[in-house]
C-alpha atoms as a PDB file:
ATOM      1  CA  MET A   1       0.164  -0.050  -0.048  1.00  0.00           C
ATOM      2  CA  SER A   2       2.914   2.125   0.729  1.00  0.00           C
ATOM      3  CA  ALA A   3       4.091   2.238  -2.785  1.00  0.00           C
ATOM      4  CA  ILE A   4       0.643   3.283  -4.076  1.00  0.00           C
ATOM      5  CA  ALA A   5       0.670   6.227  -1.722  1.00  0.00           C
ATOM      6  CA  SER A   6       3.767   7.129  -2.570  1.00  0.00           C
ATOM      7  CA  ARG A   7       2.785   7.388  -6.506  1.00  0.00           C
ATOM      8  CA  ARG A   8       0.104   9.860  -5.544  1.00  0.00           C
ATOM      9  CA  HIS A   9       2.038  12.159  -3.541  1.00  0.00           C
ATOM     10  CA  ARG A  10       4.529  12.421  -6.207  1.00  0.00           C
ATOM     11  CA  LYS A  11       2.475  14.030  -8.848  1.00  0.00           C
ATOM     12  CA  ARG A  12       4.516  16.466 -11.208  1.00  0.00           C
ATOM     13  CA  LYS A  13       4.296  19.906 -10.521  1.00  0.00           C
ATOM     14  CA  LEU A  14       3.272  22.326 -13.203  1.00  0.00           C
ATOM     15  CA  LYS A  15       5.763  24.750 -14.680  1.00  0.00           C
ATOM     16  CA  ALA A  16       5.070  28.252 -15.154  1.00  0.00           C
ATOM     17  CA  GLU A  17       7.637  28.943 -17.873  1.00  0.00           C
ATOM     18  CA  ILE A  18       7.107  30.292 -21.239  1.00  0.00           C
ATOM     19  CA  ASN A  19       7.912  28.174 -24.155  1.00  0.00           C
ATOM     20  CA  VAL A  20       9.725  30.577 -26.287  1.00  0.00           C
ATOM     21  CA  VAL A  21      10.931  28.391 -29.016  1.00  0.00           C
ATOM     22  CA  PRO A  22       8.225  29.238 -31.319  1.00  0.00           C
ATOM     23  CA  TYR A  23       8.834  32.820 -30.978  1.00  0.00           C
ATOM     24  CA  ILE A  24      12.348  32.705 -31.585  1.00  0.00           C
ATOM     25  CA  ASP A  25      11.261  31.072 -34.999  1.00  0.00           C
ATOM     26  CA  VAL A  26       8.853  33.681 -36.035  1.00  0.00           C
ATOM     27  CA  MET A  27      11.422  36.477 -35.025  1.00  0.00           C
ATOM     28  CA  LEU A  28      14.242  34.776 -37.245  1.00  0.00           C
ATOM     29  CA  VAL A  29      11.555  34.475 -40.212  1.00  0.00           C
ATOM     30  CA  LEU A  30      10.785  38.335 -39.752  1.00  0.00           C
ATOM     31  CA  LEU A  31      14.246  39.257 -39.434  1.00  0.00           C
ATOM     32  CA  ILE A  32      15.149  37.531 -42.963  1.00  0.00           C
ATOM     33  CA  ILE A  33      12.321  38.992 -44.422  1.00  0.00           C
ATOM     34  CA  PHE A  34      13.161  42.405 -43.146  1.00  0.00           C
ATOM     35  CA  MET A  35      16.945  41.932 -44.174  1.00  0.00           C
ATOM     36  CA  VAL A  36      15.473  41.094 -47.881  1.00  0.00           C
ATOM     37  CA  THR A  37      13.124  43.829 -48.019  1.00  0.00           C
ATOM     38  CA  ALA A  38      15.160  46.685 -46.411  1.00  0.00           C
ATOM     39  CA  PRO A  39      17.860  47.378 -49.353  1.00  0.00           C
ATOM     40  CA  LEU A  40      14.590  47.585 -51.645  1.00  0.00           C
ATOM     41  CA  LEU A  41      13.040  50.344 -50.003  1.00  0.00           C
ATOM     42  CA  ASN A  42      16.191  52.867 -50.955  1.00  0.00           C
ATOM     43  CA  LEU A  43      15.744  52.800 -54.693  1.00  0.00           C
ATOM     44  CA  GLY A  44      16.754  56.366 -55.050  1.00  0.00           C
ATOM     45  CA  VAL A  45      18.673  59.255 -53.482  1.00  0.00           C
ATOM     46  CA  ASP A  46      17.225  62.870 -53.594  1.00  0.00           C
ATOM     47  CA  ILE A  47      19.604  65.272 -54.981  1.00  0.00           C
ATOM     48  CA  GLU A  48      19.714  69.031 -55.777  1.00  0.00           C
ATOM     49  CA  LEU A  49      20.994  68.877 -59.751  1.00  0.00           C
ATOM     50  CA  PRO A  50      22.488  72.423 -60.997  1.00  0.00           C
ATOM     51  CA  GLN A  51      20.506  74.835 -62.867  1.00  0.00           C
ATOM     52  CA  SER A  52      21.330  75.369 -66.391  1.00  0.00           C
ATOM     53  CA  ASN A  53      19.906  77.161 -69.490  1.00  0.00           C
ATOM     54  CA  ALA A  54      21.135  74.262 -71.922  1.00  0.00           C
ATOM     55  CA  LYS A  55      18.940  72.866 -74.338  1.00  0.00           C
ATOM     56  CA  SER A  56      18.274  69.128 -74.538  1.00  0.00           C
ATOM     57  CA  MET A  57      20.188  67.534 -76.871  1.00  0.00           C
ATOM     58  CA  GLN A  58      17.492  64.392 -77.751  1.00  0.00           C
ATOM     59  CA  GLU A  59      15.394  65.234 -81.273  1.00  0.00           C
ATOM     60  CA  LYS A  60      11.984  64.898 -81.134  1.00  0.00           C
ATOM     61  CA  LYS A  61      11.018  61.758 -83.159  1.00  0.00           C
ATOM     62  CA  ASP A  62       7.714  60.423 -84.210  1.00  0.00           C
ATOM     63  CA  PRO A  63       6.856  57.430 -82.358  1.00  0.00           C
ATOM     64  CA  VAL A  64       5.707  54.135 -84.262  1.00  0.00           C
ATOM     65  CA  ILE A  65       2.341  53.210 -83.146  1.00  0.00           C
ATOM     66  CA  VAL A  66       0.978  49.574 -83.502  1.00  0.00           C
ATOM     67  CA  SER A  67      -2.710  49.510 -82.875  1.00  0.00           C
ATOM     68  CA  VAL A  68      -4.949  46.915 -81.944  1.00  0.00           C
ATOM     69  CA  ASP A  69      -8.667  46.833 -82.779  1.00  0.00           C
ATOM     70  CA  PRO A  70     -11.152  44.874 -80.825  1.00  0.00           C
ATOM     71  CA  ALA A  71     -11.227  42.170 -83.559  1.00  0.00           C
ATOM     72  CA  GLY A  72      -7.678  41.758 -83.040  1.00  0.00           C
ATOM     73  CA  ASN A  73      -6.391  43.253 -86.081  1.00  0.00           C
ATOM     74  CA  TYR A  74      -2.823  45.148 -86.459  1.00  0.00           C
ATOM     75  CA  PHE A  75      -2.626  49.013 -87.443  1.00  0.00           C
ATOM     76  CA  LEU A  76       0.764  50.444 -87.735  1.00  0.00           C
ATOM     77  CA  THR A  77       1.237  54.148 -87.807  1.00  0.00           C
ATOM     78  CA  VAL A  78       4.841  55.281 -88.580  1.00  0.00           C
ATOM     79  CA  GLU A  79       4.322  59.161 -89.411  1.00  0.00           C
ATOM     80  CA  ALA A  80       1.506  61.156 -87.801  1.00  0.00           C
ATOM     81  CA  GLY A  81      -1.807  60.291 -89.583  1.00  0.00           C
ATOM     82  CA  SER A  82      -0.598  57.528 -91.962  1.00  0.00           C
ATOM     83  CA  ASN A  83      -2.303  54.394 -90.420  1.00  0.00           C
ATOM     84  CA  GLU A  84      -2.301  51.489 -92.124  1.00  0.00           C
ATOM     85  CA  ALA A  85      -3.608  47.952 -91.959  1.00  0.00           C
ATOM     86  CA  VAL A  86      -1.114  45.367 -91.709  1.00  0.00           C
ATOM     87  CA  THR A  87      -1.027  41.666 -91.221  1.00  0.00           C
ATOM     88  CA  ARG A  88       1.112  39.760 -88.447  1.00  0.00           C
ATOM     89  CA  ASP A  89       3.868  39.134 -91.309  1.00  0.00           C
ATOM     90  CA  THR A  90       3.630  42.360 -92.592  1.00  0.00           C
ATOM     91  CA  LEU A  91       4.184  44.050 -89.514  1.00  0.00           C
ATOM     92  CA  LEU A  92       7.242  42.061 -88.460  1.00  0.00           C
ATOM     93  CA  ALA A  93       8.735  42.619 -91.978  1.00  0.00           C
ATOM     94  CA  LYS A  94       8.495  46.600 -91.579  1.00  0.00           C
ATOM     95  CA  MET A  95       9.186  46.886 -87.925  1.00  0.00           C
ATOM     96  CA  ARG A  96      12.542  44.924 -88.674  1.00  0.00           C
ATOM     97  CA  ALA A  97      13.213  47.530 -91.564  1.00  0.00           C
ATOM     98  CA  ILE A  98      12.333  50.556 -89.161  1.00  0.00           C
ATOM     99  CA  VAL A  99      14.423  49.150 -86.231  1.00  0.00           C
ATOM    100  CA  ASN A 100      17.354  48.422 -88.374  1.00  0.00           C
ATOM    101  CA  GLN A 101      17.195  52.245 -89.862  1.00  0.00           C
ATOM    102  CA  ASN A 102      16.707  53.317 -86.390  1.00  0.00           C
ATOM    103  CA  PRO A 103      17.591  51.334 -83.317  1.00  0.00           C
ATOM    104  CA  GLN A 104      16.348  53.893 -81.032  1.00  0.00           C
ATOM    105  CA  VAL A 105      13.049  54.572 -82.523  1.00  0.00           C
ATOM    106  CA  PRO A 106       9.982  54.680 -79.672  1.00  0.00           C
ATOM    107  CA  VAL A 107       7.229  52.149 -80.202  1.00  0.00           C
ATOM    108  CA  PHE A 108       3.743  52.184 -78.526  1.00  0.00           C
ATOM    109  CA  VAL A 109       1.268  49.271 -78.398  1.00  0.00           C
ATOM    110  CA  ALA A 110      -2.245  51.096 -78.503  1.00  0.00           C
ATOM    111  CA  GLY A 111      -4.722  48.102 -77.649  1.00  0.00           C
ATOM    112  CA  ASP A 112      -8.547  48.846 -77.399  1.00  0.00           C
ATOM    113  CA  GLY A 113     -10.216  48.631 -74.479  1.00  0.00           C
ATOM    114  CA  SER A 114     -12.120  45.735 -75.395  1.00  0.00           C
ATOM    115  CA  ALA A 115      -9.880  43.842 -77.396  1.00  0.00           C
ATOM    116  CA  ASN A 116      -8.437  40.381 -76.393  1.00  0.00           C
ATOM    117  CA  TYR A 117      -5.664  40.905 -74.052  1.00  0.00           C
ATOM    118  CA  GLN A 118      -3.749  37.744 -75.578  1.00  0.00           C
ATOM    119  CA  LYS A 119      -4.036  39.991 -78.969  1.00  0.00           C
ATOM    120  CA  VAL A 120      -2.065  43.129 -77.356  1.00  0.00           C
ATOM    121  CA  MET A 121       0.619  40.417 -75.936  1.00  0.00           C
ATOM    122  CA  ASP A 122       0.956  38.795 -79.231  1.00  0.00           C
ATOM    123  CA  ALA A 123       1.665  42.441 -80.827  1.00  0.00           C
ATOM    124  CA  MET A 124       4.384  43.243 -78.201  1.00  0.00           C
ATOM    125  CA  VAL A 125       5.962  39.637 -78.792  1.00  0.00           C
ATOM    126  CA  LEU A 126       5.783  40.467 -82.406  1.00  0.00           C
ATOM    127  CA  LEU A 127       7.807  43.682 -81.637  1.00  0.00           C
ATOM    128  CA  GLN A 128      10.487  41.912 -79.572  1.00  0.00           C
ATOM    129  CA  GLU A 129      11.191  39.361 -82.794  1.00  0.00           C
ATOM    130  CA  ALA A 130      11.662  42.153 -84.922  1.00  0.00           C
ATOM    131  CA  GLY A 131      14.293  43.654 -82.504  1.00  0.00           C
ATOM    132  CA  VAL A 132      12.586  46.670 -80.401  1.00  0.00           C
ATOM    133  CA  GLU A 133      14.020  46.715 -77.537  1.00  0.00           C
ATOM    134  CA  ARG A 134      11.567  48.889 -75.190  1.00  0.00           C
ATOM    135  CA  VAL A 135       7.875  48.794 -76.061  1.00  0.00           C
ATOM    136  CA  GLY A 136       5.602  51.545 -74.211  1.00  0.00           C
ATOM    137  CA  LEU A 137       1.779  50.862 -73.884  1.00  0.00           C
ATOM    138  CA  MET A 138      -0.674  53.816 -74.836  1.00  0.00           C
ATOM    139  CA  SER A 139      -3.491  54.469 -72.356  1.00  0.00           C
ATOM    140  CA  GLN A 140      -6.025  57.552 -72.353  1.00  0.00           C
ATOM    141  CA  PRO A 141      -6.007  60.139 -69.032  1.00  0.00           C
ATOM    142  CA  ASN A 142      -8.998  59.613 -66.825  1.00  0.00           C
ATOM    143  CA  GLY A 143     -11.558  62.205 -68.040  1.00  0.00           C
ATOM    144  CA  GLU A 144     -10.768  62.056 -71.560  1.00  0.00           C
ATOM    145  CA  GLY A 145     -13.405  60.163 -73.778  1.00  0.00           C
ATOM    146  CA  GLY A 146     -14.369  56.799 -72.039  1.00  0.00           C
ATOM    147  CA  GLU A 147     -17.031  56.454 -69.382  1.00  0.00           C
END
């Protein structure tokens, strides 16, 4: 009987300690996240540039505009007002010729708001195949036209 009685009296006492191991894991994960994102927060430095009356050396060039209508047809505008319908192959050939002549020509894609997004992306892929390095997407500012 004494063995049974001694077992009852030797119950474990409750510990009043906090298990901090999960908190340390969370802290280390947050530390890694902040270490990775901190360099991204300082993208630029504010500087004051000297004032000058010099004119810009860049020439104003008419951009090349590739338009995509709601049906997915392509239109090429090389000079202001000369908007011509082109096929996929014609667009590729003409853009290669334009880029070979002037590699720095600005190129924009103007996709209709109701056009299929895949057609706009296909136009951008065609321009990339033609050798265009940078392509801009055109949009209309809020308040002008539209709804």
